[in-house]
Each structure stands twice: as C-alpha cells, then as structure tokens.
Amino acid sequence: MKQLLNLSLAFMLLAAVACNSSKQDSGGGNTNTSSVPAGGQENVQDDVSQKDVVKIAVGSKDHTTLVAALKQAGLVSSLSNAGPFTVFAPTNEAFNKLPAGTVDGLMKDDKKADLENILQYHVTTSSLKPEYFTDGMDLSMVNGDKIKVSVKDGKIVLNGTANVTATIPAANGMVYVIDAVLLPPAKK
C-alpha cells in the first residue's frame, strides 16, 4: 500500500512539473501566433526537399493557367497534402485549345463547381509510375469518373486526346504533363 502511495505521489509530482514547464515561455504565458502563416501544407517553406505536385506546377511557366484554376477551385491545400496523387497537368497551351471564353467562364465564382469537377478529373489518389499504365485500362479519378489509357510504343495517351509529354516525380506523387485538357463525360 505504501509503495502504491509513493508511486501515486511521484506521478502527481511529475505531472505538476510537466504542467508548470509547459506554461513557461518567453512571452510571460502568452503565445504570439501572428508570425505563423495561415493555411496548410501549401504554406510550408522548404527549398531542400522534393516539391509536391502543387509546387511543381507553381514553379512551371507552362502551368500558370492550371495554378490559377487550382486556386480558384480551392484545391491547392488538398493537393499539397501527403497524397499520394497522380496529377495529369494540362499546359497553358492545352487550355488555349479549349473554345474561346471557356477558361474565363470557368474562373467565375458561379462556375466553381464545374471547374472543380474538371480539375478533379485530372487527379487520382495514388502515385502511378509510367510502367503501371497498360493499353486499354480505365483509371478512376477523384471526381468519380474514369479515363481511358492507351499505351502505344511507350507513349501514354488519355481519352484518345491528351498525350503525356513529361513525367515528373513529386514528394506526394507523380505529375504527368499533358497537351490537352481532359473533359469529364456529361452526367446522365
């Protein structure tokens, strides 16, 4: 009984010391968080580690339209997280192939859901290396639809229209640069 009492006292003393030391800081008990940036993983500054899929797009002069669309749709935080993700990233030139006014229309607040649907049709929640893709396979995308993959002579084509022109490994998955925007099938 005496051992149990001594053990209990020791735990209480340890808890009291731990609580006391956690209350101490250089600001007299007030923690100033004004210097902590708002947002999530996308705000972490790291110039040493491999870049995530968003930072790869942000660092590319050929993907400024995609980055603007990701911001407008509110998907930057989601795609900056651990993933894994495979992102099929249309270039600015790919967006320019869409009918005139399409991109500007999708960037309006009342079209946010449509923009989000299109962008999510370019993402799958796994990190797929090029050797994974086989001719004729269907790939499930984040928006719930599927894309058709064709592989001929080592070249990957999506839905018969978008050619993969580059593959870039990311910290949270893979980025495939494509030369056309993938449009989800119309809902029935």
Protein backbone atom coordinates (compact mmCIF):
# COMPACT_ATOMS: atom_id res chain seq x y z
CA MET A 1 0.00 0.00 0.00
CA LYS A 2 2.84 2.33 0.89
CA GLN A 3 4.51 1.61 -2.48
CA LEU A 4 1.29 2.45 -4.32
CA LEU A 5 1.02 5.73 -2.37
CA ASN A 6 4.66 6.63 -3.15
CA LEU A 7 4.13 5.79 -6.83
CA SER A 8 0.98 7.94 -6.97
CA LEU A 9 2.81 10.87 -5.34
CA ALA A 10 5.68 10.50 -7.80
CA PHE A 11 3.26 10.64 -10.76
CA MET A 12 1.49 13.69 -9.33
CA LEU A 13 4.81 15.46 -8.79
CA LEU A 14 5.92 14.60 -12.33
CA ALA A 15 2.59 15.84 -13.74
CA ALA A 16 2.86 19.09 -11.77
CA VAL A 17 6.41 19.72 -13.05
CA ALA A 18 5.36 18.95 -16.62
CA CYS A 19 2.36 21.30 -16.42
CA ASN A 20 4.48 24.05 -14.90
CA SER A 21 7.19 23.85 -17.53
CA SER A 22 4.69 23.84 -20.41
CA LYS A 23 3.20 27.12 -19.14
CA GLN A 24 6.55 28.87 -19.24
CA ASP A 25 7.55 30.73 -22.37
CA SER A 26 9.43 33.88 -23.21
CA GLY A 27 6.21 35.87 -23.59
CA GLY A 28 5.05 35.52 -19.99
CA GLY A 29 2.41 32.90 -20.74
CA ASN A 30 1.00 34.45 -23.92
CA THR A 31 1.88 32.71 -27.15
CA ASN A 32 2.04 35.02 -30.17
CA THR A 33 0.94 33.20 -33.33
CA SER A 34 0.80 36.25 -35.59
CA SER A 35 4.03 35.20 -37.31
CA VAL A 36 2.65 31.74 -38.16
CA PRO A 37 1.36 31.71 -41.75
CA ALA A 38 -2.29 30.84 -42.29
CA GLY A 39 -3.26 27.84 -44.35
CA GLY A 40 -2.00 24.32 -44.51
CA GLN A 41 0.81 22.34 -46.05
CA GLU A 42 0.96 24.63 -49.09
CA ASN A 43 2.47 27.36 -46.88
CA VAL A 44 5.42 25.31 -45.69
CA GLN A 45 8.65 26.85 -46.98
CA ASP A 46 11.10 24.11 -47.92
CA ASP A 47 13.70 24.70 -50.61
CA VAL A 48 15.58 21.47 -49.94
CA SER A 49 13.09 18.59 -50.14
CA GLN A 50 11.43 17.32 -53.28
CA LYS A 51 8.49 19.53 -54.29
CA ASP A 52 4.87 18.39 -54.01
CA VAL A 53 2.58 18.34 -57.06
CA VAL A 54 1.34 21.91 -56.47
CA LYS A 55 4.83 23.36 -56.02
CA ILE A 56 5.90 21.67 -59.26
CA ALA A 57 3.02 23.37 -61.10
CA VAL A 58 3.70 26.72 -59.41
CA GLY A 59 7.34 26.52 -60.49
CA SER A 60 6.43 25.92 -64.14
CA LYS A 61 5.93 28.82 -66.54
CA ASP A 62 3.85 26.41 -68.68
CA HIS A 63 1.25 25.80 -65.96
CA THR A 64 0.13 29.28 -64.85
CA THR A 65 -3.45 28.67 -66.04
CA LEU A 66 -3.60 25.38 -64.12
CA VAL A 67 -2.29 27.06 -60.96
CA ALA A 68 -4.84 29.88 -61.27
CA ALA A 69 -7.61 27.29 -61.74
CA LEU A 70 -6.45 25.28 -58.70
CA LYS A 71 -6.55 28.45 -56.61
CA GLN A 72 -10.00 29.43 -57.91
CA ALA A 73 -11.38 25.94 -57.20
CA GLY A 74 -9.84 25.88 -53.72
CA LEU A 75 -7.80 22.73 -54.40
CA VAL A 76 -4.30 23.98 -53.53
CA SER A 77 -4.42 22.77 -49.90
CA SER A 78 -5.83 19.37 -50.87
CA LEU A 79 -3.14 18.70 -53.47
CA SER A 80 -0.37 19.98 -51.18
CA ASN A 81 -1.10 17.28 -48.61
CA ALA A 82 0.69 13.94 -48.31
CA GLY A 83 -1.33 12.23 -51.03
CA PRO A 84 -0.35 10.15 -52.85
CA PHE A 85 -1.63 11.73 -56.05
CA THR A 86 -1.16 11.28 -59.75
CA VAL A 87 -1.92 14.59 -61.46
CA PHE A 88 -2.36 14.97 -65.20
CA ALA A 89 -1.33 18.61 -65.62
CA PRO A 90 -2.51 20.40 -68.78
CA THR A 91 -0.19 23.12 -70.05
CA ASN A 92 -1.26 26.69 -70.78
CA GLU A 93 -1.26 25.73 -74.46
CA ALA A 94 -3.66 22.86 -73.66
CA PHE A 95 -6.08 25.29 -72.00
CA ASN A 96 -5.75 27.59 -75.03
CA LYS A 97 -7.09 24.76 -77.25
CA LEU A 98 -10.46 24.98 -75.49
CA PRO A 99 -13.17 27.05 -77.22
CA ALA A 100 -12.76 30.80 -76.74
CA GLY A 101 -14.09 32.03 -73.39
CA THR A 102 -14.19 28.58 -71.76
CA VAL A 103 -11.39 29.19 -69.28
CA ASP A 104 -12.60 32.71 -68.42
CA GLY A 105 -16.12 31.34 -67.89
CA LEU A 106 -14.92 28.56 -65.61
CA MET A 107 -12.94 31.03 -63.49
CA LYS A 108 -16.13 32.81 -62.38
CA ASP A 109 -17.40 32.16 -58.86
CA ASP A 110 -20.71 30.72 -60.05
CA LYS A 111 -18.82 28.07 -62.10
CA LYS A 112 -16.57 26.92 -59.24
CA ALA A 113 -18.29 23.50 -59.02
CA ASP A 114 -17.77 22.90 -62.76
CA LEU A 115 -14.12 23.95 -62.52
CA GLU A 116 -13.58 21.70 -59.51
CA ASN A 117 -15.15 18.76 -61.37
CA ILE A 118 -12.86 19.27 -64.37
CA LEU A 119 -9.74 19.61 -62.21
CA GLN A 120 -10.64 16.56 -60.12
CA TYR A 121 -10.96 14.65 -63.41
CA HIS A 122 -7.20 15.19 -63.75
CA VAL A 123 -6.29 13.59 -60.38
CA THR A 124 -6.24 10.07 -58.98
CA THR A 125 -5.41 9.18 -55.39
CA SER A 126 -2.36 7.03 -55.93
CA SER A 127 1.16 7.55 -57.19
CA LEU A 128 1.33 5.82 -60.56
CA LYS A 129 4.64 5.35 -62.32
CA PRO A 130 4.67 5.19 -66.14
CA GLU A 131 5.21 1.42 -66.18
CA TYR A 132 1.90 0.94 -64.34
CA PHE A 133 -0.16 2.10 -67.32
CA THR A 134 -1.35 -0.52 -69.80
CA ASP A 135 -3.16 -0.15 -73.09
CA GLY A 136 -6.93 -0.09 -72.65
CA MET A 137 -7.01 0.37 -68.88
CA ASP A 138 -9.60 2.55 -67.15
CA LEU A 139 -8.36 4.81 -64.39
CA SER A 140 -10.72 6.09 -61.66
CA MET A 141 -10.39 9.79 -60.99
CA VAL A 142 -11.16 11.88 -57.90
CA ASN A 143 -14.42 13.24 -59.39
CA GLY A 144 -15.79 9.69 -59.69
CA ASP A 145 -15.41 9.33 -63.46
CA LYS A 146 -12.90 7.22 -65.37
CA ILE A 147 -10.35 7.99 -68.04
CA LYS A 148 -9.22 5.55 -70.72
CA VAL A 149 -5.48 4.98 -71.00
CA SER A 150 -3.80 3.99 -74.25
CA VAL A 151 -0.16 2.95 -74.45
CA LYS A 152 1.46 2.55 -77.84
CA ASP A 153 5.21 2.34 -78.39
CA GLY A 154 5.75 3.57 -74.83
CA LYS A 155 3.65 6.71 -75.35
CA ILE A 156 0.75 7.32 -72.95
CA VAL A 157 -2.45 8.89 -74.30
CA LEU A 158 -5.51 9.70 -72.15
CA ASN A 159 -9.05 9.51 -73.57
CA GLY A 160 -7.54 9.40 -77.06
CA THR A 161 -6.80 13.15 -76.96
CA ALA A 162 -4.22 14.05 -74.30
CA ASN A 163 -0.62 12.99 -74.85
CA VAL A 164 1.72 12.69 -71.87
CA THR A 165 4.70 14.86 -72.77
CA ALA A 166 6.67 14.67 -69.50
CA THR A 167 6.71 12.77 -66.22
CA ILE A 168 7.84 14.46 -63.00
CA PRO A 169 8.14 12.64 -59.66
CA ALA A 170 6.85 14.69 -56.72
CA ALA A 171 7.11 14.38 -52.95
CA ASN A 172 3.45 13.37 -52.80
CA GLY A 173 3.02 11.52 -56.08
CA MET A 174 3.57 11.94 -59.81
CA VAL A 175 2.88 14.76 -62.26
CA TYR A 176 2.24 13.95 -65.90
CA VAL A 177 2.35 16.97 -68.21
CA ILE A 178 -0.36 16.65 -70.87
CA ASP A 179 -1.09 18.59 -74.06
CA ALA A 180 -4.90 18.68 -73.79
CA VAL A 181 -7.48 19.34 -71.09
CA LEU A 182 -9.47 16.26 -70.10
CA LEU A 183 -13.20 16.96 -70.00
CA PRO A 184 -15.36 14.68 -67.84
CA PRO A 185 -18.22 12.87 -69.54
CA ALA A 186 -21.59 14.61 -69.32
CA LYS A 187 -23.67 13.47 -66.36
CA LYS A 188 -26.65 11.32 -67.38
